[in-house]
């Protein structure tokens, strides 16, 4: 039986590989920090080496336009799903205090998303992301 919840990471389609990797890591860390008991048990290989437990959810990485990311974030917020948005204000800031100050001066319509991570009931997440392409 499949999981009743789903996690999806959606990155802006025009990101260079290094920026896409960075955005995926930032989103994964931020989403993971909001989840309780999100890691499976540690595992051992045949030689007894311990491997840290991973998140048991498959996490597809999809791509979308900037406008689609904005709509995805709004749709996830409306459905009260767990959502993390990584935006250009954050990406360009040198530290978190600078980010918070710059974000406070940014109008909502001017927030440009680099990526969005969403967790929620599988049905709801699929409705929001089902037509988006896998990152290649």
N, C-alpha and C. Protein backbone atom coordinates (compact mmCIF):
# COMPACT_ATOMS: atom_id res chain seq x y z
N UNK A 1 0.84 -1.18 0.00
CA UNK A 1 0.00 0.00 0.00
C UNK A 1 0.88 1.24 0.00
N UNK A 2 0.54 2.23 -0.82
CA UNK A 2 1.32 3.46 -0.93
C UNK A 2 1.09 4.37 0.26
N UNK A 3 1.93 5.37 0.34
CA UNK A 3 1.81 6.36 1.41
C UNK A 3 0.60 7.25 1.14
N UNK A 4 -0.04 7.69 2.20
CA UNK A 4 -1.21 8.57 2.06
C UNK A 4 -0.81 10.03 1.85
N UNK A 5 0.45 10.34 2.12
CA UNK A 5 0.96 11.69 1.90
C UNK A 5 2.00 11.68 0.80
N UNK A 6 2.25 12.87 0.28
CA UNK A 6 3.22 13.00 -0.81
C UNK A 6 4.04 14.26 -0.60
N UNK A 7 5.31 14.18 -0.97
CA UNK A 7 6.21 15.33 -0.98
C UNK A 7 6.63 15.56 -2.42
N UNK A 8 6.61 16.81 -2.84
CA UNK A 8 7.06 17.18 -4.17
C UNK A 8 7.92 18.43 -4.04
N UNK A 9 9.02 18.47 -4.78
CA UNK A 9 9.84 19.67 -4.91
C UNK A 9 9.69 20.15 -6.34
N UNK A 10 9.35 21.42 -6.50
CA UNK A 10 9.18 22.00 -7.83
C UNK A 10 10.13 23.18 -7.95
N UNK A 11 10.99 23.11 -8.96
CA UNK A 11 12.00 24.16 -9.18
C UNK A 11 11.67 24.95 -10.44
N UNK A 12 12.09 26.20 -10.45
CA UNK A 12 11.87 27.03 -11.63
C UNK A 12 12.64 26.44 -12.80
N UNK A 13 11.99 26.35 -13.93
CA UNK A 13 12.52 25.63 -15.08
C UNK A 13 13.78 26.24 -15.70
N UNK A 14 14.08 27.50 -15.43
CA UNK A 14 15.22 28.16 -16.06
C UNK A 14 16.48 28.19 -15.18
N UNK A 15 16.48 27.47 -14.07
CA UNK A 15 17.63 27.51 -13.17
C UNK A 15 18.83 26.76 -13.75
N UNK A 16 20.00 27.34 -13.58
CA UNK A 16 21.23 26.63 -13.93
C UNK A 16 21.40 25.47 -12.95
N UNK A 17 22.13 24.41 -13.34
CA UNK A 17 22.24 23.23 -12.48
C UNK A 17 22.70 23.52 -11.05
N UNK A 18 23.69 24.38 -10.86
CA UNK A 18 24.17 24.67 -9.50
C UNK A 18 23.09 25.36 -8.68
N UNK A 19 22.34 26.28 -9.29
CA UNK A 19 21.26 26.96 -8.57
C UNK A 19 20.11 26.01 -8.28
N UNK A 20 19.82 25.11 -9.20
CA UNK A 20 18.77 24.12 -8.98
C UNK A 20 19.14 23.19 -7.83
N UNK A 21 20.39 22.75 -7.80
CA UNK A 21 20.84 21.88 -6.71
C UNK A 21 20.74 22.61 -5.37
N UNK A 22 21.19 23.85 -5.34
CA UNK A 22 21.11 24.64 -4.11
C UNK A 22 19.66 24.82 -3.67
N UNK A 23 18.78 25.16 -4.59
CA UNK A 23 17.37 25.37 -4.24
C UNK A 23 16.75 24.09 -3.70
N UNK A 24 17.06 22.95 -4.32
CA UNK A 24 16.52 21.68 -3.84
C UNK A 24 16.97 21.36 -2.42
N UNK A 25 18.24 21.63 -2.13
CA UNK A 25 18.77 21.38 -0.78
C UNK A 25 18.11 22.32 0.24
N UNK A 26 18.01 23.59 -0.10
CA UNK A 26 17.39 24.56 0.82
C UNK A 26 15.95 24.15 1.11
N UNK A 27 15.19 23.80 0.08
CA UNK A 27 13.80 23.40 0.27
C UNK A 27 13.70 22.12 1.10
N UNK A 28 14.55 21.14 0.81
CA UNK A 28 14.52 19.89 1.55
C UNK A 28 14.82 20.08 3.03
N UNK A 29 15.83 20.88 3.32
CA UNK A 29 16.16 21.15 4.72
C UNK A 29 15.03 21.89 5.43
N UNK A 30 14.47 22.90 4.77
CA UNK A 30 13.40 23.68 5.39
C UNK A 30 12.15 22.83 5.61
N UNK A 31 11.79 22.01 4.64
CA UNK A 31 10.62 21.14 4.80
C UNK A 31 10.88 20.09 5.87
N UNK A 32 12.05 19.48 5.84
CA UNK A 32 12.39 18.46 6.83
C UNK A 32 12.37 18.99 8.25
N UNK A 33 12.73 20.25 8.42
CA UNK A 33 12.71 20.85 9.74
C UNK A 33 11.31 21.06 10.30
N UNK A 34 10.31 20.96 9.44
CA UNK A 34 8.93 21.14 9.88
C UNK A 34 8.23 19.81 10.15
N UNK A 35 8.91 18.72 9.92
CA UNK A 35 8.28 17.40 10.05
C UNK A 35 8.77 16.67 11.29
N UNK A 36 7.84 16.08 12.00
CA UNK A 36 8.21 15.25 13.14
C UNK A 36 8.34 13.81 12.67
N UNK A 37 9.29 13.11 13.22
CA UNK A 37 9.49 11.69 12.89
C UNK A 37 9.52 11.46 11.39
N UNK A 38 10.26 12.28 10.67
CA UNK A 38 10.27 12.20 9.22
C UNK A 38 11.33 11.25 8.68
N UNK A 39 12.17 10.72 9.55
CA UNK A 39 13.24 9.85 9.08
C UNK A 39 12.96 8.41 9.45
N UNK A 40 13.28 7.52 8.53
CA UNK A 40 13.16 6.09 8.79
C UNK A 40 14.36 5.66 9.65
N UNK A 41 14.31 4.44 10.12
CA UNK A 41 15.38 3.91 10.95
C UNK A 41 16.69 3.82 10.17
N UNK A 42 17.80 3.93 10.91
CA UNK A 42 19.11 3.72 10.29
C UNK A 42 19.16 2.30 9.73
N UNK A 43 19.99 2.11 8.73
CA UNK A 43 20.17 0.78 8.15
C UNK A 43 21.61 0.36 8.26
N UNK A 44 21.84 -0.93 8.08
CA UNK A 44 23.21 -1.46 8.09
C UNK A 44 23.46 -2.21 6.80
N UNK A 45 24.68 -2.06 6.28
CA UNK A 45 25.06 -2.83 5.11
C UNK A 45 25.58 -4.19 5.55
N UNK A 46 25.92 -5.05 4.61
CA UNK A 46 26.35 -6.41 4.91
C UNK A 46 27.61 -6.46 5.77
N UNK A 47 28.40 -5.41 5.74
CA UNK A 47 29.61 -5.34 6.56
C UNK A 47 29.39 -4.73 7.92
N UNK A 48 28.16 -4.37 8.24
CA UNK A 48 27.85 -3.79 9.54
C UNK A 48 27.96 -2.27 9.57
N UNK A 49 28.30 -1.65 8.44
CA UNK A 49 28.38 -0.19 8.38
C UNK A 49 27.01 0.44 8.51
N UNK A 50 26.91 1.48 9.32
CA UNK A 50 25.63 2.13 9.56
C UNK A 50 25.40 3.24 8.53
N UNK A 51 24.17 3.27 8.02
CA UNK A 51 23.76 4.31 7.07
C UNK A 51 22.57 5.04 7.67
N UNK A 52 22.70 6.35 7.81
CA UNK A 52 21.66 7.16 8.44
C UNK A 52 20.31 6.97 7.76
N UNK A 53 19.27 6.97 8.56
CA UNK A 53 17.92 6.83 8.03
C UNK A 53 17.57 7.98 7.10
N UNK A 54 16.75 7.67 6.11
CA UNK A 54 16.33 8.64 5.11
C UNK A 54 14.84 8.91 5.26
N UNK A 55 14.38 9.96 4.62
CA UNK A 55 12.96 10.20 4.53
C UNK A 55 12.36 9.08 3.68
N UNK A 56 11.33 8.38 4.15
CA UNK A 56 10.79 7.25 3.39
C UNK A 56 9.93 7.65 2.19
N UNK A 57 9.61 8.93 2.04
CA UNK A 57 8.82 9.39 0.89
C UNK A 57 9.68 9.43 -0.36
N UNK A 58 9.17 8.96 -1.50
CA UNK A 58 9.82 9.33 -2.75
C UNK A 58 9.62 10.84 -2.91
N UNK A 59 10.58 11.53 -3.48
CA UNK A 59 10.45 12.98 -3.64
C UNK A 59 10.73 13.34 -5.10
N UNK A 60 9.68 13.37 -5.93
CA UNK A 60 9.91 13.77 -7.31
C UNK A 60 10.30 15.24 -7.37
N UNK A 61 11.19 15.56 -8.29
CA UNK A 61 11.59 16.94 -8.53
C UNK A 61 11.02 17.34 -9.89
N UNK A 62 10.16 18.34 -9.86
CA UNK A 62 9.46 18.79 -11.05
C UNK A 62 9.94 20.18 -11.42
N UNK A 63 9.54 20.65 -12.59
CA UNK A 63 9.89 22.01 -13.02
C UNK A 63 8.62 22.77 -13.40
N UNK A 64 8.70 24.08 -13.24
CA UNK A 64 7.57 24.95 -13.54
C UNK A 64 8.08 26.34 -13.86
N UNK A 65 7.24 27.12 -14.47
CA UNK A 65 7.57 28.53 -14.71
C UNK A 65 7.43 29.30 -13.40
N UNK A 66 7.94 30.51 -13.39
CA UNK A 66 7.80 31.35 -12.20
C UNK A 66 6.34 31.58 -11.84
N UNK A 67 5.49 31.81 -12.83
CA UNK A 67 4.07 32.02 -12.57
C UNK A 67 3.41 30.75 -12.03
N UNK A 68 3.78 29.59 -12.56
CA UNK A 68 3.24 28.33 -12.04
C UNK A 68 3.66 28.11 -10.59
N UNK A 69 4.88 28.49 -10.24
CA UNK A 69 5.34 28.37 -8.86
C UNK A 69 4.51 29.26 -7.95
N UNK A 70 4.22 30.47 -8.38
CA UNK A 70 3.39 31.39 -7.60
C UNK A 70 2.01 30.77 -7.37
N UNK A 71 1.42 30.21 -8.42
CA UNK A 71 0.11 29.57 -8.31
C UNK A 71 0.15 28.34 -7.42
N UNK A 72 1.23 27.57 -7.52
CA UNK A 72 1.40 26.38 -6.69
C UNK A 72 1.47 26.77 -5.22
N UNK A 73 2.26 27.78 -4.90
CA UNK A 73 2.38 28.24 -3.52
C UNK A 73 1.02 28.70 -2.99
N UNK A 74 0.30 29.49 -3.78
CA UNK A 74 -1.01 29.98 -3.37
C UNK A 74 -2.00 28.82 -3.18
N UNK A 75 -1.98 27.87 -4.10
CA UNK A 75 -2.88 26.73 -4.00
C UNK A 75 -2.58 25.87 -2.79
N UNK A 76 -1.30 25.67 -2.49
CA UNK A 76 -0.92 24.89 -1.30
C UNK A 76 -1.32 25.62 -0.03
N UNK A 77 -1.15 26.94 -0.02
CA UNK A 77 -1.57 27.74 1.14
C UNK A 77 -3.08 27.64 1.34
N UNK A 78 -3.85 27.74 0.26
CA UNK A 78 -5.31 27.66 0.35
C UNK A 78 -5.78 26.32 0.91
N UNK A 79 -5.07 25.25 0.55
CA UNK A 79 -5.44 23.91 1.01
C UNK A 79 -4.83 23.58 2.38
N UNK A 80 -4.09 24.55 2.93
CA UNK A 80 -3.43 24.38 4.23
C UNK A 80 -2.48 23.18 4.24
N UNK A 81 -1.76 23.01 3.13
CA UNK A 81 -0.73 21.98 3.05
C UNK A 81 0.56 22.54 3.65
N UNK A 82 1.49 21.68 3.97
CA UNK A 82 2.80 22.14 4.42
C UNK A 82 3.54 22.58 3.17
N UNK A 83 3.92 23.84 3.12
CA UNK A 83 4.56 24.38 1.92
C UNK A 83 5.72 25.28 2.32
N UNK A 84 6.82 25.15 1.58
CA UNK A 84 7.99 26.00 1.76
C UNK A 84 8.30 26.62 0.41
N UNK A 85 8.39 27.93 0.36
CA UNK A 85 8.78 28.62 -0.86
C UNK A 85 10.17 29.21 -0.70
N UNK A 86 11.02 28.97 -1.68
CA UNK A 86 12.36 29.57 -1.71
C UNK A 86 12.31 30.62 -2.81
N UNK A 87 12.61 31.86 -2.45
CA UNK A 87 12.43 32.96 -3.40
C UNK A 87 13.75 33.68 -3.70
N UNK A 88 13.67 34.55 -4.70
CA UNK A 88 14.86 35.30 -5.11
C UNK A 88 15.39 36.22 -4.02
N UNK A 89 14.51 36.73 -3.18
CA UNK A 89 14.96 37.58 -2.08
C UNK A 89 15.89 36.76 -1.17
N UNK A 90 15.49 35.55 -0.84
CA UNK A 90 16.32 34.68 0.00
C UNK A 90 17.60 34.28 -0.72
N UNK A 91 17.47 33.91 -1.98
CA UNK A 91 18.63 33.43 -2.74
C UNK A 91 19.71 34.50 -2.85
N UNK A 92 19.31 35.74 -2.94
CA UNK A 92 20.28 36.83 -3.12
C UNK A 92 20.79 37.41 -1.81
N UNK A 93 20.22 37.03 -0.70
CA UNK A 93 20.64 37.57 0.60
C UNK A 93 21.87 36.84 1.11
N UNK A 94 22.70 37.58 1.82
CA UNK A 94 23.95 37.01 2.35
C UNK A 94 23.76 36.28 3.68
N UNK A 95 22.72 36.66 4.41
CA UNK A 95 22.41 35.97 5.67
C UNK A 95 20.92 36.09 5.95
N UNK A 96 20.48 35.41 6.98
CA UNK A 96 19.04 35.33 7.23
C UNK A 96 18.44 36.65 7.68
N UNK A 97 19.18 37.43 8.45
CA UNK A 97 18.68 38.73 8.88
C UNK A 97 18.49 39.64 7.67
N UNK A 98 19.45 39.64 6.76
CA UNK A 98 19.32 40.43 5.53
C UNK A 98 18.10 39.97 4.74
N UNK A 99 17.89 38.65 4.67
CA UNK A 99 16.71 38.12 3.98
C UNK A 99 15.41 38.62 4.61
N UNK A 100 15.30 38.51 5.93
CA UNK A 100 14.07 38.94 6.59
C UNK A 100 13.80 40.42 6.39
N UNK A 101 14.86 41.23 6.45
CA UNK A 101 14.69 42.67 6.23
C UNK A 101 14.25 42.96 4.80
N UNK A 102 14.88 42.30 3.83
CA UNK A 102 14.54 42.52 2.43
C UNK A 102 13.14 41.99 2.12
N UNK A 103 12.78 40.87 2.69
CA UNK A 103 11.45 40.31 2.46
C UNK A 103 10.38 41.24 3.01
N UNK A 104 10.63 41.82 4.17
CA UNK A 104 9.66 42.74 4.78
C UNK A 104 9.40 43.96 3.90
N UNK A 105 10.34 44.29 3.03
CA UNK A 105 10.19 45.44 2.14
C UNK A 105 9.71 45.03 0.74
N UNK A 106 9.42 43.75 0.54
CA UNK A 106 9.01 43.24 -0.77
C UNK A 106 7.50 43.02 -0.79
N UNK A 107 6.84 43.62 -1.76
CA UNK A 107 5.40 43.43 -1.91
C UNK A 107 5.12 41.98 -2.33
N UNK A 108 4.01 41.42 -1.87
CA UNK A 108 3.70 40.02 -2.18
C UNK A 108 3.75 39.70 -3.68
N UNK A 109 3.25 40.59 -4.51
CA UNK A 109 3.24 40.33 -5.94
C UNK A 109 4.64 40.37 -6.56
N UNK A 110 5.62 40.88 -5.81
CA UNK A 110 6.99 40.95 -6.31
C UNK A 110 7.87 39.79 -5.84
N UNK A 111 7.32 38.88 -5.05
CA UNK A 111 8.08 37.71 -4.60
C UNK A 111 8.18 36.74 -5.78
N UNK A 112 9.41 36.48 -6.22
CA UNK A 112 9.67 35.56 -7.33
C UNK A 112 10.20 34.26 -6.76
N UNK A 113 9.48 33.16 -7.00
CA UNK A 113 9.89 31.88 -6.43
C UNK A 113 10.94 31.19 -7.29
N UNK A 114 11.94 30.63 -6.60
CA UNK A 114 12.96 29.80 -7.22
C UNK A 114 12.49 28.35 -7.18
N UNK A 115 11.78 28.01 -6.12
CA UNK A 115 11.25 26.66 -5.96
C UNK A 115 10.26 26.61 -4.82
N UNK A 116 9.49 25.54 -4.81
CA UNK A 116 8.49 25.30 -3.78
C UNK A 116 8.51 23.82 -3.43
N UNK A 117 8.44 23.51 -2.15
CA UNK A 117 8.29 22.13 -1.69
C UNK A 117 6.93 22.02 -1.02
N UNK A 118 6.22 20.93 -1.30
CA UNK A 118 4.88 20.74 -0.78
C UNK A 118 4.74 19.34 -0.19
N UNK A 119 4.09 19.27 0.98
CA UNK A 119 3.77 18.01 1.62
C UNK A 119 2.30 18.05 2.01
N UNK A 120 1.60 16.98 1.72
CA UNK A 120 0.20 16.90 2.12
C UNK A 120 -0.43 15.62 1.64
N UNK A 121 -1.74 15.53 1.79
CA UNK A 121 -2.43 14.34 1.29
C UNK A 121 -2.13 14.15 -0.20
N UNK A 122 -1.84 12.93 -0.57
CA UNK A 122 -1.45 12.60 -1.94
C UNK A 122 -2.40 13.22 -2.96
N UNK A 123 -3.69 13.09 -2.73
CA UNK A 123 -4.70 13.59 -3.67
C UNK A 123 -4.54 15.10 -3.89
N UNK A 124 -4.36 15.85 -2.81
CA UNK A 124 -4.24 17.31 -2.92
C UNK A 124 -2.94 17.72 -3.62
N UNK A 125 -1.85 17.07 -3.28
CA UNK A 125 -0.57 17.39 -3.91
C UNK A 125 -0.63 17.04 -5.40
N UNK A 126 -1.22 15.90 -5.74
CA UNK A 126 -1.34 15.53 -7.15
C UNK A 126 -2.19 16.52 -7.94
N UNK A 127 -3.24 17.03 -7.33
CA UNK A 127 -4.09 18.03 -8.02
C UNK A 127 -3.30 19.29 -8.35
N UNK A 128 -2.40 19.66 -7.46
CA UNK A 128 -1.61 20.88 -7.67
C UNK A 128 -0.45 20.68 -8.63
N UNK A 129 0.12 19.48 -8.67
CA UNK A 129 1.37 19.28 -9.40
C UNK A 129 1.29 18.27 -10.53
N UNK A 130 0.15 17.63 -10.70
CA UNK A 130 0.03 16.51 -11.63
C UNK A 130 0.38 16.81 -13.08
N UNK A 131 0.26 18.04 -13.51
CA UNK A 131 0.55 18.38 -14.91
C UNK A 131 1.96 18.92 -15.14
N UNK A 132 2.74 19.00 -14.07
CA UNK A 132 4.10 19.53 -14.19
C UNK A 132 5.06 18.43 -14.65
N UNK A 133 6.09 18.82 -15.37
CA UNK A 133 7.07 17.87 -15.90
C UNK A 133 8.15 17.55 -14.88
N UNK A 134 8.69 16.34 -14.99
CA UNK A 134 9.85 15.95 -14.19
C UNK A 134 11.06 16.75 -14.63
N UNK A 135 11.92 17.09 -13.69
CA UNK A 135 13.16 17.77 -14.02
C UNK A 135 14.07 16.79 -14.77
N UNK A 136 14.71 17.29 -15.79
CA UNK A 136 15.61 16.42 -16.59
C UNK A 136 17.00 17.00 -16.56
